[in-house]
């Protein structure tokens, strides 16, 4: 038996496939987590792109980022549970590794932004257009997360 076959044969994999309501319930949790993540990212990225400059960026980030982090408590376990149900199929789907790579790139983009240009946010916190680096990070973030969502939908078609 392959590693992916063993994952699918696990108790969780079997339950996810055999239960009438488990997979759809987990999928709803996953989608709710995605909505929470992308919604919070969208608000912060729009602010970084220069919208609503009267809102203090650092206060907005302090409010939004815990919601973004909390969304992973929904997304990761639910995504893993759905993966366990169809590990072979997903690993053979060319869209799945692309989705995972895009998620990793989005995480790297956020990490670079927070370790870099965001450290100087006090200089452009209110009523100032964010620097080009911040706007570029926000644009890349939006593009990556929309692409992740598109890949999630495309998984069913390949």
N, C-alpha and C. Protein backbone atom coordinates (compact mmCIF):
# COMPACT_ATOMS: atom_id res chain seq x y z
N UNK A 1 0.85 -1.18 0.00
CA UNK A 1 0.00 0.00 0.00
C UNK A 1 0.90 1.25 0.00
N UNK A 2 0.53 2.23 -0.80
CA UNK A 2 1.29 3.47 -0.87
C UNK A 2 1.01 4.32 0.37
N UNK A 3 1.84 5.32 0.55
CA UNK A 3 1.65 6.23 1.69
C UNK A 3 0.30 6.93 1.58
N UNK A 4 -0.06 7.37 0.37
CA UNK A 4 -1.35 8.05 0.19
C UNK A 4 -2.51 7.07 0.41
N UNK A 5 -2.31 5.84 0.00
CA UNK A 5 -3.33 4.81 0.24
C UNK A 5 -3.52 4.57 1.73
N UNK A 6 -2.42 4.56 2.45
CA UNK A 6 -2.50 4.37 3.91
C UNK A 6 -3.22 5.55 4.57
N UNK A 7 -2.96 6.73 4.09
CA UNK A 7 -3.63 7.92 4.63
C UNK A 7 -5.14 7.80 4.39
N UNK A 8 -5.50 7.43 3.16
CA UNK A 8 -6.92 7.29 2.84
C UNK A 8 -7.58 6.16 3.63
N UNK A 9 -6.81 5.11 3.93
CA UNK A 9 -7.35 3.96 4.66
C UNK A 9 -7.47 4.21 6.15
N UNK A 10 -6.94 5.33 6.63
CA UNK A 10 -7.01 5.65 8.05
C UNK A 10 -8.48 5.79 8.48
N UNK A 11 -8.69 5.74 9.77
CA UNK A 11 -10.06 5.88 10.31
C UNK A 11 -10.68 7.20 9.88
N UNK A 12 -9.88 8.28 9.92
CA UNK A 12 -10.41 9.58 9.51
C UNK A 12 -10.74 9.59 8.03
N UNK A 13 -9.85 9.04 7.21
CA UNK A 13 -10.11 8.99 5.77
C UNK A 13 -11.39 8.23 5.45
N UNK A 14 -11.56 7.10 6.10
CA UNK A 14 -12.77 6.30 5.87
C UNK A 14 -14.02 7.04 6.36
N UNK A 15 -13.92 7.65 7.53
CA UNK A 15 -15.07 8.38 8.07
C UNK A 15 -15.45 9.55 7.16
N UNK A 16 -14.45 10.25 6.65
CA UNK A 16 -14.71 11.39 5.77
C UNK A 16 -15.43 10.95 4.50
N UNK A 17 -15.10 9.77 3.99
CA UNK A 17 -15.73 9.28 2.76
C UNK A 17 -17.07 8.61 3.01
N UNK A 18 -17.23 7.96 4.14
CA UNK A 18 -18.41 7.13 4.36
C UNK A 18 -19.56 7.85 5.07
N UNK A 19 -19.26 8.84 5.85
CA UNK A 19 -20.31 9.56 6.58
C UNK A 19 -21.05 10.49 5.62
N UNK A 20 -22.35 10.49 5.73
CA UNK A 20 -23.17 11.33 4.87
C UNK A 20 -22.91 12.82 5.11
N UNK A 21 -22.68 13.20 6.39
CA UNK A 21 -22.58 14.61 6.74
C UNK A 21 -21.19 15.11 7.11
N UNK A 22 -20.26 14.23 7.38
CA UNK A 22 -18.96 14.67 7.87
C UNK A 22 -18.20 15.49 6.84
N UNK A 23 -18.04 14.98 5.62
CA UNK A 23 -17.28 15.72 4.61
C UNK A 23 -17.91 17.09 4.33
N UNK A 24 -19.22 17.16 4.08
CA UNK A 24 -19.82 18.49 3.84
C UNK A 24 -19.67 19.43 5.03
N UNK A 25 -19.77 18.90 6.25
CA UNK A 25 -19.61 19.76 7.44
C UNK A 25 -18.18 20.30 7.52
N UNK A 26 -17.21 19.45 7.27
CA UNK A 26 -15.80 19.87 7.29
C UNK A 26 -15.55 20.89 6.18
N UNK A 27 -16.16 20.67 5.03
CA UNK A 27 -16.00 21.60 3.91
C UNK A 27 -16.58 22.98 4.25
N UNK A 28 -17.70 23.02 4.94
CA UNK A 28 -18.29 24.28 5.38
C UNK A 28 -17.34 25.01 6.34
N UNK A 29 -16.76 24.28 7.27
CA UNK A 29 -15.78 24.88 8.19
C UNK A 29 -14.60 25.44 7.40
N UNK A 30 -14.13 24.69 6.41
CA UNK A 30 -13.00 25.13 5.58
C UNK A 30 -13.35 26.42 4.83
N UNK A 31 -14.51 26.45 4.24
CA UNK A 31 -14.93 27.64 3.49
C UNK A 31 -15.12 28.83 4.42
N UNK A 32 -15.68 28.60 5.61
CA UNK A 32 -15.82 29.69 6.58
C UNK A 32 -14.45 30.23 6.98
N UNK A 33 -13.49 29.35 7.17
CA UNK A 33 -12.13 29.78 7.48
C UNK A 33 -11.51 30.58 6.35
N UNK A 34 -11.73 30.13 5.13
CA UNK A 34 -11.21 30.87 3.96
C UNK A 34 -11.84 32.25 3.89
N UNK A 35 -13.16 32.32 4.12
CA UNK A 35 -13.84 33.62 4.09
C UNK A 35 -13.26 34.55 5.15
N UNK A 36 -13.02 34.02 6.34
CA UNK A 36 -12.45 34.83 7.42
C UNK A 36 -11.03 35.29 7.06
N UNK A 37 -10.23 34.39 6.54
CA UNK A 37 -8.86 34.75 6.16
C UNK A 37 -8.84 35.78 5.04
N UNK A 38 -9.51 35.47 3.96
CA UNK A 38 -9.45 36.34 2.78
C UNK A 38 -10.13 37.68 3.08
N UNK A 39 -11.21 37.65 3.86
CA UNK A 39 -11.84 38.91 4.23
C UNK A 39 -10.92 39.81 5.04
N UNK A 40 -10.24 39.24 6.01
CA UNK A 40 -9.34 40.05 6.83
C UNK A 40 -8.12 40.51 6.02
N UNK A 41 -7.61 39.63 5.18
CA UNK A 41 -6.48 40.01 4.32
C UNK A 41 -6.90 41.12 3.36
N UNK A 42 -8.08 41.00 2.79
CA UNK A 42 -8.58 42.00 1.85
C UNK A 42 -8.66 43.38 2.50
N UNK A 43 -9.20 43.45 3.70
CA UNK A 43 -9.32 44.74 4.40
C UNK A 43 -7.95 45.37 4.61
N UNK A 44 -7.00 44.58 5.10
CA UNK A 44 -5.67 45.11 5.36
C UNK A 44 -4.97 45.48 4.04
N UNK A 45 -5.09 44.63 3.04
CA UNK A 45 -4.43 44.90 1.76
C UNK A 45 -5.01 46.14 1.08
N UNK A 46 -6.32 46.34 1.17
CA UNK A 46 -6.90 47.56 0.59
C UNK A 46 -6.37 48.80 1.30
N UNK A 47 -6.22 48.71 2.63
CA UNK A 47 -5.64 49.84 3.37
C UNK A 47 -4.20 50.09 2.93
N UNK A 48 -3.45 48.99 2.71
CA UNK A 48 -2.06 49.13 2.26
C UNK A 48 -1.97 49.68 0.85
N UNK A 49 -2.99 49.44 0.06
CA UNK A 49 -3.01 49.99 -1.30
C UNK A 49 -3.36 51.47 -1.33
N UNK A 50 -3.72 52.02 -0.17
CA UNK A 50 -3.96 53.46 -0.08
C UNK A 50 -5.40 53.84 0.19
N UNK A 51 -6.30 52.88 0.28
CA UNK A 51 -7.69 53.18 0.60
C UNK A 51 -7.83 53.46 2.09
N UNK A 52 -8.77 54.32 2.44
CA UNK A 52 -9.09 54.62 3.85
C UNK A 52 -7.85 55.00 4.64
N UNK A 53 -7.07 55.91 4.08
CA UNK A 53 -5.82 56.31 4.75
C UNK A 53 -6.02 56.98 6.09
N UNK A 54 -7.23 57.42 6.37
CA UNK A 54 -7.48 58.05 7.68
C UNK A 54 -7.53 57.00 8.80
N UNK A 55 -7.69 55.72 8.45
CA UNK A 55 -7.65 54.66 9.46
C UNK A 55 -6.19 54.38 9.83
N UNK A 56 -5.85 54.42 11.10
CA UNK A 56 -4.48 54.11 11.51
C UNK A 56 -4.13 52.66 11.12
N UNK A 57 -3.14 52.51 10.30
CA UNK A 57 -2.76 51.20 9.78
C UNK A 57 -2.37 50.24 10.89
N UNK A 58 -1.58 50.70 11.83
CA UNK A 58 -1.11 49.79 12.89
C UNK A 58 -2.26 49.33 13.78
N UNK A 59 -3.23 50.20 14.04
CA UNK A 59 -4.41 49.78 14.83
C UNK A 59 -5.25 48.80 14.04
N UNK A 60 -5.41 49.06 12.75
CA UNK A 60 -6.17 48.15 11.90
C UNK A 60 -5.49 46.78 11.86
N UNK A 61 -4.19 46.78 11.67
CA UNK A 61 -3.44 45.51 11.62
C UNK A 61 -3.54 44.78 12.95
N UNK A 62 -3.44 45.50 14.06
CA UNK A 62 -3.54 44.86 15.38
C UNK A 62 -4.91 44.22 15.58
N UNK A 63 -5.93 44.79 14.96
CA UNK A 63 -7.27 44.23 15.06
C UNK A 63 -7.47 43.07 14.08
N UNK A 64 -6.99 43.22 12.88
CA UNK A 64 -7.25 42.26 11.80
C UNK A 64 -6.37 41.01 11.89
N UNK A 65 -5.11 41.16 12.22
CA UNK A 65 -4.17 40.03 12.16
C UNK A 65 -4.55 38.87 13.08
N UNK A 66 -5.07 39.11 14.29
CA UNK A 66 -5.51 37.95 15.08
C UNK A 66 -6.64 37.16 14.41
N UNK A 67 -7.51 37.85 13.69
CA UNK A 67 -8.57 37.16 12.94
C UNK A 67 -7.97 36.31 11.82
N UNK A 68 -6.98 36.87 11.15
CA UNK A 68 -6.29 36.11 10.09
C UNK A 68 -5.64 34.86 10.67
N UNK A 69 -4.97 35.03 11.79
CA UNK A 69 -4.31 33.89 12.43
C UNK A 69 -5.33 32.86 12.90
N UNK A 70 -6.43 33.33 13.48
CA UNK A 70 -7.47 32.42 13.96
C UNK A 70 -8.10 31.62 12.82
N UNK A 71 -8.14 32.21 11.65
CA UNK A 71 -8.74 31.51 10.52
C UNK A 71 -7.98 30.22 10.21
N UNK A 72 -6.70 30.21 10.49
CA UNK A 72 -5.92 29.00 10.24
C UNK A 72 -6.33 27.85 11.17
N UNK A 73 -6.90 28.19 12.32
CA UNK A 73 -7.42 27.14 13.21
C UNK A 73 -8.61 26.43 12.59
N UNK A 74 -9.27 27.07 11.64
CA UNK A 74 -10.36 26.44 10.89
C UNK A 74 -9.84 25.79 9.61
N UNK A 75 -8.98 26.50 8.91
CA UNK A 75 -8.54 26.08 7.58
C UNK A 75 -7.63 24.85 7.61
N UNK A 76 -6.64 24.85 8.46
CA UNK A 76 -5.64 23.78 8.44
C UNK A 76 -6.24 22.42 8.81
N UNK A 77 -6.91 22.28 9.95
CA UNK A 77 -7.44 20.95 10.26
C UNK A 77 -8.51 20.48 9.27
N UNK A 78 -9.35 21.41 8.82
CA UNK A 78 -10.39 21.01 7.87
C UNK A 78 -9.78 20.65 6.52
N UNK A 79 -8.78 21.40 6.10
CA UNK A 79 -8.10 21.07 4.84
C UNK A 79 -7.39 19.73 4.91
N UNK A 80 -6.75 19.47 6.04
CA UNK A 80 -6.09 18.17 6.22
C UNK A 80 -7.10 17.03 6.23
N UNK A 81 -8.24 17.24 6.87
CA UNK A 81 -9.28 16.20 6.91
C UNK A 81 -9.80 15.91 5.50
N UNK A 82 -10.00 16.95 4.71
CA UNK A 82 -10.46 16.73 3.32
C UNK A 82 -9.37 16.06 2.50
N UNK A 83 -8.11 16.41 2.75
CA UNK A 83 -7.00 15.77 2.05
C UNK A 83 -6.96 14.28 2.37
N UNK A 84 -7.11 13.93 3.65
CA UNK A 84 -7.05 12.54 4.08
C UNK A 84 -8.10 11.70 3.36
N UNK A 85 -9.24 12.30 3.07
CA UNK A 85 -10.31 11.56 2.40
C UNK A 85 -9.96 11.21 0.96
N UNK A 86 -9.14 12.02 0.30
CA UNK A 86 -8.86 11.84 -1.13
C UNK A 86 -7.40 12.10 -1.45
N UNK A 87 -6.49 11.59 -0.63
CA UNK A 87 -5.06 11.88 -0.77
C UNK A 87 -4.52 11.48 -2.14
N UNK A 88 -4.82 10.27 -2.61
CA UNK A 88 -4.31 9.83 -3.92
C UNK A 88 -4.78 10.74 -5.03
N UNK A 89 -6.06 11.00 -5.04
CA UNK A 89 -6.66 11.82 -6.08
C UNK A 89 -6.05 13.23 -6.10
N UNK A 90 -5.90 13.81 -4.91
CA UNK A 90 -5.35 15.16 -4.83
C UNK A 90 -3.88 15.21 -5.24
N UNK A 91 -3.12 14.22 -4.86
CA UNK A 91 -1.70 14.21 -5.21
C UNK A 91 -1.49 14.02 -6.72
N UNK A 92 -2.45 13.42 -7.39
CA UNK A 92 -2.37 13.25 -8.85
C UNK A 92 -2.93 14.44 -9.61
N UNK A 93 -3.60 15.34 -8.93
CA UNK A 93 -4.22 16.50 -9.55
C UNK A 93 -3.16 17.60 -9.67
N UNK A 94 -2.87 18.09 -10.89
CA UNK A 94 -1.83 19.12 -11.04
C UNK A 94 -2.16 20.44 -10.36
N UNK A 95 -3.41 20.67 -10.05
CA UNK A 95 -3.80 21.92 -9.41
C UNK A 95 -3.45 21.92 -7.92
N UNK A 96 -3.45 20.75 -7.29
CA UNK A 96 -3.21 20.68 -5.85
C UNK A 96 -1.82 21.18 -5.46
N UNK A 97 -0.75 20.70 -6.09
CA UNK A 97 0.56 21.25 -5.70
C UNK A 97 0.69 22.75 -6.01
N UNK A 98 0.02 23.20 -7.07
CA UNK A 98 0.02 24.63 -7.37
C UNK A 98 -0.64 25.40 -6.24
N UNK A 99 -1.78 24.90 -5.75
CA UNK A 99 -2.49 25.56 -4.64
C UNK A 99 -1.59 25.63 -3.41
N UNK A 100 -0.93 24.53 -3.09
CA UNK A 100 -0.05 24.51 -1.91
C UNK A 100 1.11 25.49 -2.09
N UNK A 101 1.70 25.53 -3.28
CA UNK A 101 2.79 26.48 -3.54
C UNK A 101 2.32 27.92 -3.41
N UNK A 102 1.13 28.21 -3.90
CA UNK A 102 0.59 29.57 -3.79
C UNK A 102 0.36 29.96 -2.34
N UNK A 103 -0.12 29.01 -1.54
CA UNK A 103 -0.32 29.28 -0.11
C UNK A 103 1.03 29.58 0.56
N UNK A 104 2.04 28.78 0.23
CA UNK A 104 3.37 29.02 0.80
C UNK A 104 3.93 30.37 0.35
N UNK A 105 3.72 30.72 -0.91
CA UNK A 105 4.17 32.03 -1.40
C UNK A 105 3.43 33.17 -0.69
N UNK A 106 2.14 33.01 -0.46
CA UNK A 106 1.37 34.04 0.25
C UNK A 106 1.90 34.20 1.68
N UNK A 107 2.21 33.09 2.31
CA UNK A 107 2.80 33.15 3.65
C UNK A 107 4.16 33.82 3.66
N UNK A 108 4.98 33.50 2.67
CA UNK A 108 6.30 34.13 2.56
C UNK A 108 6.16 35.63 2.30
N UNK A 109 5.23 35.99 1.44
CA UNK A 109 4.99 37.40 1.14
C UNK A 109 4.60 38.15 2.41
N UNK A 110 3.70 37.57 3.21
CA UNK A 110 3.28 38.20 4.46
C UNK A 110 4.45 38.29 5.44
N UNK A 111 5.23 37.24 5.52
CA UNK A 111 6.39 37.24 6.42
C UNK A 111 7.41 38.30 6.04
N UNK A 112 7.70 38.40 4.77
CA UNK A 112 8.65 39.41 4.29
C UNK A 112 8.11 40.82 4.55
N UNK A 113 6.82 41.01 4.29
CA UNK A 113 6.20 42.32 4.54
C UNK A 113 6.32 42.70 6.01
N UNK A 114 5.95 41.79 6.91
CA UNK A 114 5.96 42.11 8.34
C UNK A 114 7.38 42.25 8.90
N UNK A 115 8.32 41.50 8.34
CA UNK A 115 9.71 41.61 8.80
C UNK A 115 10.42 42.81 8.19
N UNK A 116 9.86 43.34 7.11
CA UNK A 116 10.51 44.43 6.39
C UNK A 116 9.78 45.75 6.52
N UNK A 117 9.06 46.11 5.48
CA UNK A 117 8.48 47.44 5.37
C UNK A 117 7.50 47.78 6.49
N UNK A 118 6.80 46.80 7.03
CA UNK A 118 5.82 47.07 8.08
C UNK A 118 6.49 47.57 9.37
N UNK A 119 7.75 47.26 9.55
CA UNK A 119 8.47 47.73 10.76
C UNK A 119 8.56 49.26 10.80
N UNK A 120 8.44 49.88 9.64
CA UNK A 120 8.51 51.34 9.56
C UNK A 120 7.12 51.96 9.37
N UNK A 121 6.06 51.22 9.71
CA UNK A 121 4.69 51.68 9.48
C UNK A 121 4.34 52.94 10.27
N UNK A 122 5.03 53.21 11.35
CA UNK A 122 4.75 54.43 12.12
C UNK A 122 4.94 55.68 11.26
N UNK A 123 5.81 55.60 10.27
CA UNK A 123 6.09 56.74 9.40
C UNK A 123 4.96 57.00 8.41
N UNK A 124 4.14 56.00 8.15
CA UNK A 124 3.04 56.16 7.18
C UNK A 124 1.75 55.55 7.72
N UNK A 125 1.55 55.71 9.02
CA UNK A 125 0.43 55.09 9.72
C UNK A 125 -0.92 55.71 9.35
N UNK A 126 -0.98 57.04 9.29
CA UNK A 126 -2.26 57.73 9.06
C UNK A 126 -2.07 58.83 8.02
N UNK A 127 -3.03 58.92 7.12
CA UNK A 127 -3.12 60.01 6.13
C UNK A 127 -1.91 60.13 5.22
N UNK A 128 -1.18 59.04 5.05
CA UNK A 128 -0.02 59.04 4.15
C UNK A 128 -0.15 57.82 3.24
N UNK A 129 0.16 57.99 1.97
CA UNK A 129 0.14 56.85 1.05
C UNK A 129 1.25 55.89 1.46
N UNK A 130 0.93 54.62 1.65
CA UNK A 130 1.96 53.64 2.00
C UNK A 130 3.05 53.59 0.93
N UNK A 131 4.26 53.21 1.31
CA UNK A 131 5.36 53.15 0.34
C UNK A 131 5.10 52.08 -0.73
N UNK A 132 5.82 52.19 -1.80
CA UNK A 132 5.66 51.27 -2.94
C UNK A 132 5.82 49.82 -2.50
N UNK A 133 6.76 49.55 -1.62
CA UNK A 133 6.99 48.17 -1.17
C UNK A 133 5.75 47.62 -0.46
N UNK A 134 5.08 48.44 0.33
CA UNK A 134 3.87 48.00 1.03
C UNK A 134 2.74 47.76 0.04
N UNK A 135 2.61 48.66 -0.92
CA UNK A 135 1.55 48.50 -1.93
C UNK A 135 1.82 47.28 -2.80
N UNK A 136 3.08 47.04 -3.13
CA UNK A 136 3.43 45.85 -3.93
C UNK A 136 3.11 44.57 -3.16
N UNK A 137 3.46 44.54 -1.88
CA UNK A 137 3.17 43.36 -1.06
C UNK A 137 1.66 43.12 -0.99
N UNK A 138 0.88 44.19 -0.86
CA UNK A 138 -0.57 44.05 -0.80
C UNK A 138 -1.12 43.54 -2.13
N UNK A 139 -0.62 44.07 -3.23
CA UNK A 139 -1.07 43.60 -4.55
C UNK A 139 -0.74 42.14 -4.78
N UNK A 140 0.47 41.76 -4.41
CA UNK A 140 0.88 40.35 -4.54
C UNK A 140 0.01 39.47 -3.65
N UNK A 141 -0.26 39.93 -2.44
CA UNK A 141 -1.10 39.19 -1.51
C UNK A 141 -2.48 38.93 -2.11
N UNK A 142 -3.10 39.97 -2.62
CA UNK A 142 -4.43 39.81 -3.21
C UNK A 142 -4.41 38.84 -4.39
N UNK A 143 -3.41 38.99 -5.24
CA UNK A 143 -3.29 38.10 -6.40
C UNK A 143 -3.10 36.64 -5.96
N UNK A 144 -2.25 36.43 -4.97
CA UNK A 144 -2.00 35.06 -4.50
C UNK A 144 -3.24 34.45 -3.87
N UNK A 145 -3.95 35.19 -3.02
CA UNK A 145 -5.11 34.60 -2.35
C UNK A 145 -6.26 34.36 -3.31
N UNK A 146 -6.45 35.23 -4.29
CA UNK A 146 -7.47 34.96 -5.31
C UNK A 146 -7.08 33.72 -6.11
N UNK A 147 -5.81 33.56 -6.38
CA UNK A 147 -5.33 32.38 -7.11
C UNK A 147 -5.52 31.11 -6.29
N UNK A 148 -5.30 31.19 -4.98
CA UNK A 148 -5.53 30.03 -4.10
C UNK A 148 -7.00 29.62 -4.16
N UNK A 149 -7.89 30.60 -4.09
CA UNK A 149 -9.32 30.31 -4.17
C UNK A 149 -9.67 29.68 -5.52
N UNK A 150 -9.12 30.23 -6.59
CA UNK A 150 -9.37 29.67 -7.92
C UNK A 150 -8.88 28.23 -8.00
N UNK A 151 -7.72 27.96 -7.46
CA UNK A 151 -7.20 26.59 -7.46
C UNK A 151 -8.11 25.66 -6.67
N UNK A 152 -8.61 26.14 -5.55
CA UNK A 152 -9.52 25.33 -4.75
C UNK A 152 -10.75 24.91 -5.53
N UNK A 153 -11.26 25.84 -6.30
CA UNK A 153 -12.43 25.52 -7.13
C UNK A 153 -12.05 24.63 -8.30
N UNK A 154 -10.87 24.86 -8.89
CA UNK A 154 -10.44 24.07 -10.05
C UNK A 154 -10.12 22.63 -9.70
N UNK A 155 -9.85 22.36 -8.42
CA UNK A 155 -9.55 20.97 -8.03
C UNK A 155 -10.64 20.00 -8.47
N UNK A 156 -11.86 20.46 -8.47
CA UNK A 156 -12.98 19.57 -8.82
C UNK A 156 -13.05 19.29 -10.32
N UNK A 157 -12.36 20.07 -11.13
CA UNK A 157 -12.48 19.95 -12.58
C UNK A 157 -11.31 19.27 -13.27
N UNK A 158 -10.27 18.94 -12.52
CA UNK A 158 -9.11 18.28 -13.13
C UNK A 158 -8.96 16.87 -12.61
